[in-house]
Protein backbone atom coordinates (compact mmCIF):
# COMPACT_ATOMS: atom_id res chain seq x y z
CA LEU A 1 12.90 2.42 20.15
CA VAL A 2 12.39 0.76 17.24
CA HIS A 3 13.57 2.29 13.95
CA ILE A 4 12.80 1.46 10.50
CA TYR A 5 15.76 3.31 7.98
CA SER A 6 13.72 4.23 4.34
CA HIS A 7 15.89 5.21 1.80
CA GLY A 8 15.61 3.87 -1.98
CA TYR A 9 18.17 4.84 -4.96
CA MET A 10 16.63 7.06 -7.91
CA GLU A 11 17.97 6.54 -11.16
CA GLY A 12 21.79 7.77 -12.09
CA ASP A 13 22.63 7.29 -7.74
CA GLY A 14 24.11 4.72 -9.18
CA GLY A 15 22.76 1.94 -6.49
CA TYR A 16 20.39 0.27 -5.87
CA SER A 17 17.97 -0.80 -2.70
CA LEU A 18 15.82 -2.52 -1.45
CA ALA A 19 15.12 -0.40 0.46
CA PRO A 20 10.95 0.86 -0.23
CA MET A 21 10.03 3.17 -2.01
CA ASP A 22 6.79 3.21 0.47
CA HIS A 23 5.04 2.71 3.50
CA ALA A 24 3.38 2.26 6.25
CA MET A 25 3.21 1.66 10.43
CA GLY A 26 0.27 0.74 12.63
CA GLN A 27 0.25 -0.65 16.20
CA SER A 28 -2.88 -2.48 18.14
CA ALA A 29 -4.29 -2.03 20.80
CA ALA A 30 -2.26 -4.82 22.60
CA GLY A 31 1.51 -3.03 21.70
CA ALA A 32 1.85 -5.40 17.87
CA VAL A 33 3.59 -4.04 15.59
CA ALA A 34 3.02 -4.50 11.63
CA TYR A 35 5.18 -2.93 9.02
CA ALA A 36 3.73 -2.43 4.96
CA TYR A 37 6.55 -1.53 2.37
CA VAL A 38 6.67 -1.64 -1.54
CA PRO A 39 9.84 -2.83 -2.37
CA VAL A 40 12.28 -0.77 -5.10
CA SER A 41 12.72 -2.67 -7.96
CA LEU A 42 15.59 -3.37 -10.31
CA ASP A 43 13.86 -2.66 -13.49
CA ALA A 44 10.36 -0.44 -11.49
CA THR A 45 7.84 -3.89 -12.97
CA ALA A 46 7.60 -6.00 -10.26
CA GLN A 47 7.14 -3.94 -7.50
CA PRO A 48 5.13 -5.96 -4.92
CA LEU A 49 3.63 -5.30 -1.19
CA ALA A 50 4.73 -6.96 1.97
CA VAL A 51 3.55 -6.96 5.46
CA GLN A 52 6.30 -7.47 8.37
CA ARG A 53 5.48 -8.81 11.73
CA LEU A 54 7.09 -7.39 14.56
CA LEU A 55 6.36 -10.41 17.10
CA GLY A 56 8.39 -10.80 19.94
CA GLY A 57 10.74 -8.32 19.61
CA ALA A 58 11.92 -10.31 15.78
CA TRP A 59 10.51 -8.85 13.20
CA GLN A 60 8.50 -11.54 11.41
CA SER A 61 9.70 -13.21 7.49
CA PRO A 62 7.55 -10.39 4.83
CA ASP A 63 4.55 -11.67 3.44
CA VAL A 64 3.29 -11.04 -0.22
CA ILE A 65 0.26 -9.95 -0.43
CA ALA A 66 -0.03 -8.16 -4.12
CA ASP A 67 2.93 -9.43 -6.20
CA SER A 68 1.91 -8.06 -10.21
CA ASN A 69 3.74 -6.64 -12.17
CA HIS A 70 2.21 -3.46 -11.69
CA HIS A 71 3.60 0.57 -10.32
CA ARG A 72 1.69 0.43 -6.70
CA GLY A 73 2.04 4.09 -4.20
CA THR A 74 0.70 4.88 -1.43
CA THR A 75 0.00 2.09 1.57
CA ALA A 76 -2.18 2.56 5.12
CA ILE A 77 -2.42 -0.01 7.48
CA VAL A 78 -4.81 -0.54 10.19
CA SER A 79 -4.72 -2.90 13.91
CA LEU A 80 -8.52 -4.67 13.87
CA GLY A 81 -7.17 -6.04 16.99
CA GLY A 82 -4.79 -9.07 18.15
CA ASP A 83 -2.47 -10.59 15.32
CA ASP A 84 -5.69 -9.92 12.31
CA TRP A 85 -4.69 -6.56 9.94
CA MET A 86 -6.26 -4.53 7.38
CA VAL A 87 -3.81 -3.53 4.27
CA MET A 88 -4.84 -0.81 1.58
CA TRP A 89 -2.08 0.75 -1.35
CA SER A 90 -2.55 2.02 -4.38
CA GLN A 91 -2.18 0.56 -7.77
CA SER A 92 -2.39 1.14 -10.62
CA ASN A 93 -4.47 -1.67 -13.17
CA LEU A 94 -2.28 -0.63 -16.13
CA ALA A 95 0.75 -2.84 -16.55
CA ALA A 96 4.25 -1.19 -15.96
CA ASP A 97 6.27 -2.08 -18.56
CA GLY A 98 2.88 -1.11 -20.74
CA LEU A 99 3.01 2.74 -20.08
CA SER A 100 4.99 3.84 -22.75
CA GLY A 101 3.09 6.33 -25.10
CA LEU A 102 -0.02 7.30 -23.04
CA SER A 103 -0.65 10.98 -20.67
CA GLY A 104 -0.55 11.27 -17.94
CA ASP A 105 -4.44 11.74 -17.15
CA GLN A 106 -4.95 8.64 -18.97
CA ILE A 107 -2.35 6.99 -15.76
CA VAL A 108 -3.38 8.85 -13.73
CA ALA A 109 -7.26 7.97 -14.30
CA GLU A 110 -6.38 4.59 -14.02
CA GLN A 111 -4.64 4.53 -10.33
CA GLU A 112 -7.57 2.25 -8.50
CA LEU A 113 -7.25 1.73 -4.61
CA TRP A 114 -6.63 -1.99 -3.20
CA TYR A 115 -7.06 -3.95 0.07
CA SER A 116 -6.94 -6.78 1.92
CA VAL A 117 -7.68 -8.62 5.58
CA ARG A 118 -5.53 -10.16 7.83
CA SER A 119 -7.65 -12.54 9.75
CA GLY A 120 -6.62 -16.08 11.75
CA GLY A 121 -3.04 -15.85 10.03
CA THR A 122 -3.81 -15.87 7.11
CA TRP A 123 -3.97 -12.77 4.16
CA SER A 124 -6.89 -12.55 2.30
CA ALA A 125 -6.48 -12.81 -2.00
CA PRO A 126 -6.15 -8.41 -2.24
CA VAL A 127 -9.64 -6.67 -3.40
CA GLN A 128 -10.37 -3.48 -5.92
CA LEU A 129 -12.18 -0.94 -3.69
CA THR A 130 -12.24 1.66 -6.63
CA SER A 131 -12.87 1.04 -10.17
CA ASP A 132 -13.56 4.91 -10.44
CA GLY A 133 -11.88 5.52 -13.76
CA LEU A 134 -10.29 8.38 -11.36
CA GLY A 135 -6.85 8.60 -10.05
CA ASP A 136 -7.31 7.48 -5.80
CA ASP A 137 -4.57 7.08 -3.53
CA SER A 138 -3.81 8.17 -0.30
CA PRO A 139 -5.95 5.94 1.81
CA SER A 140 -5.58 6.09 5.26
CA LEU A 141 -7.27 3.85 7.63
CA VAL A 142 -8.80 3.85 10.83
CA ARG A 143 -10.37 1.59 13.27
CA ARG A 144 -13.63 2.62 15.45
CA SER A 145 -14.50 1.43 19.08
CA ASP A 146 -17.26 -0.89 17.42
CA GLY A 147 -14.74 -2.95 15.02
CA THR A 148 -16.22 -1.12 11.24
CA VAL A 149 -13.18 0.69 9.69
CA VAL A 150 -13.06 4.44 8.11
CA ALA A 151 -10.70 4.82 4.97
CA ALA A 152 -10.29 8.29 3.64
CA TRP A 153 -8.06 8.76 0.31
CA ARG A 154 -7.07 11.09 -2.17
CA ARG A 155 -9.24 11.22 -5.32
CA MET A 156 -7.97 12.66 -8.98
CA ALA A 157 -9.97 13.58 -12.61
CA GLY A 158 -6.70 13.79 -14.75
CA THR A 159 -5.33 16.23 -12.92
CA ASP A 160 -7.20 18.05 -10.47
CA VAL A 161 -7.75 17.05 -7.17
CA SER A 162 -11.04 16.44 -5.73
CA ASP A 163 -12.32 16.96 -2.90
CA GLY A 164 -11.13 13.43 -0.54
CA SER A 165 -13.80 10.96 -0.91
CA LEU A 166 -14.50 8.79 2.78
CA SER A 167 -15.62 4.66 3.11
CA ASP A 168 -16.55 2.47 5.98
């Protein structure tokens, strides 16, 4: 059993933690494990997306997949076979330090999905999957037997949640 304790301090707790705000874990058919997470930030502006792999019983140094001052939300990760992986996450198109004065609907509308693929030991640059002006978050990923990946996520129009979305 590998135990990862995940917690974060909220404002007023009198503390700060580098523990993840959001996280996901995946396993390959061969038993390789990858852990994707968004660490907590002191100033709530720097929220990188990182992935760590468990190889030979030891956690490797984190690979920072996306590093900017955008709020990131839910993550998903899936094995593509061997040591290749796909990670997907929600991210605001708005700078984290530029949210003041915006309505909840304006902020939600800028939440979109991004992904990156690890192949041959290297992560691809982040790719924006959605750009529809609707809030997209809570991705899930599954790899089918033919090798294609299917993604499902929640799409919101303002504060109203619509039916789930699928893509492959």
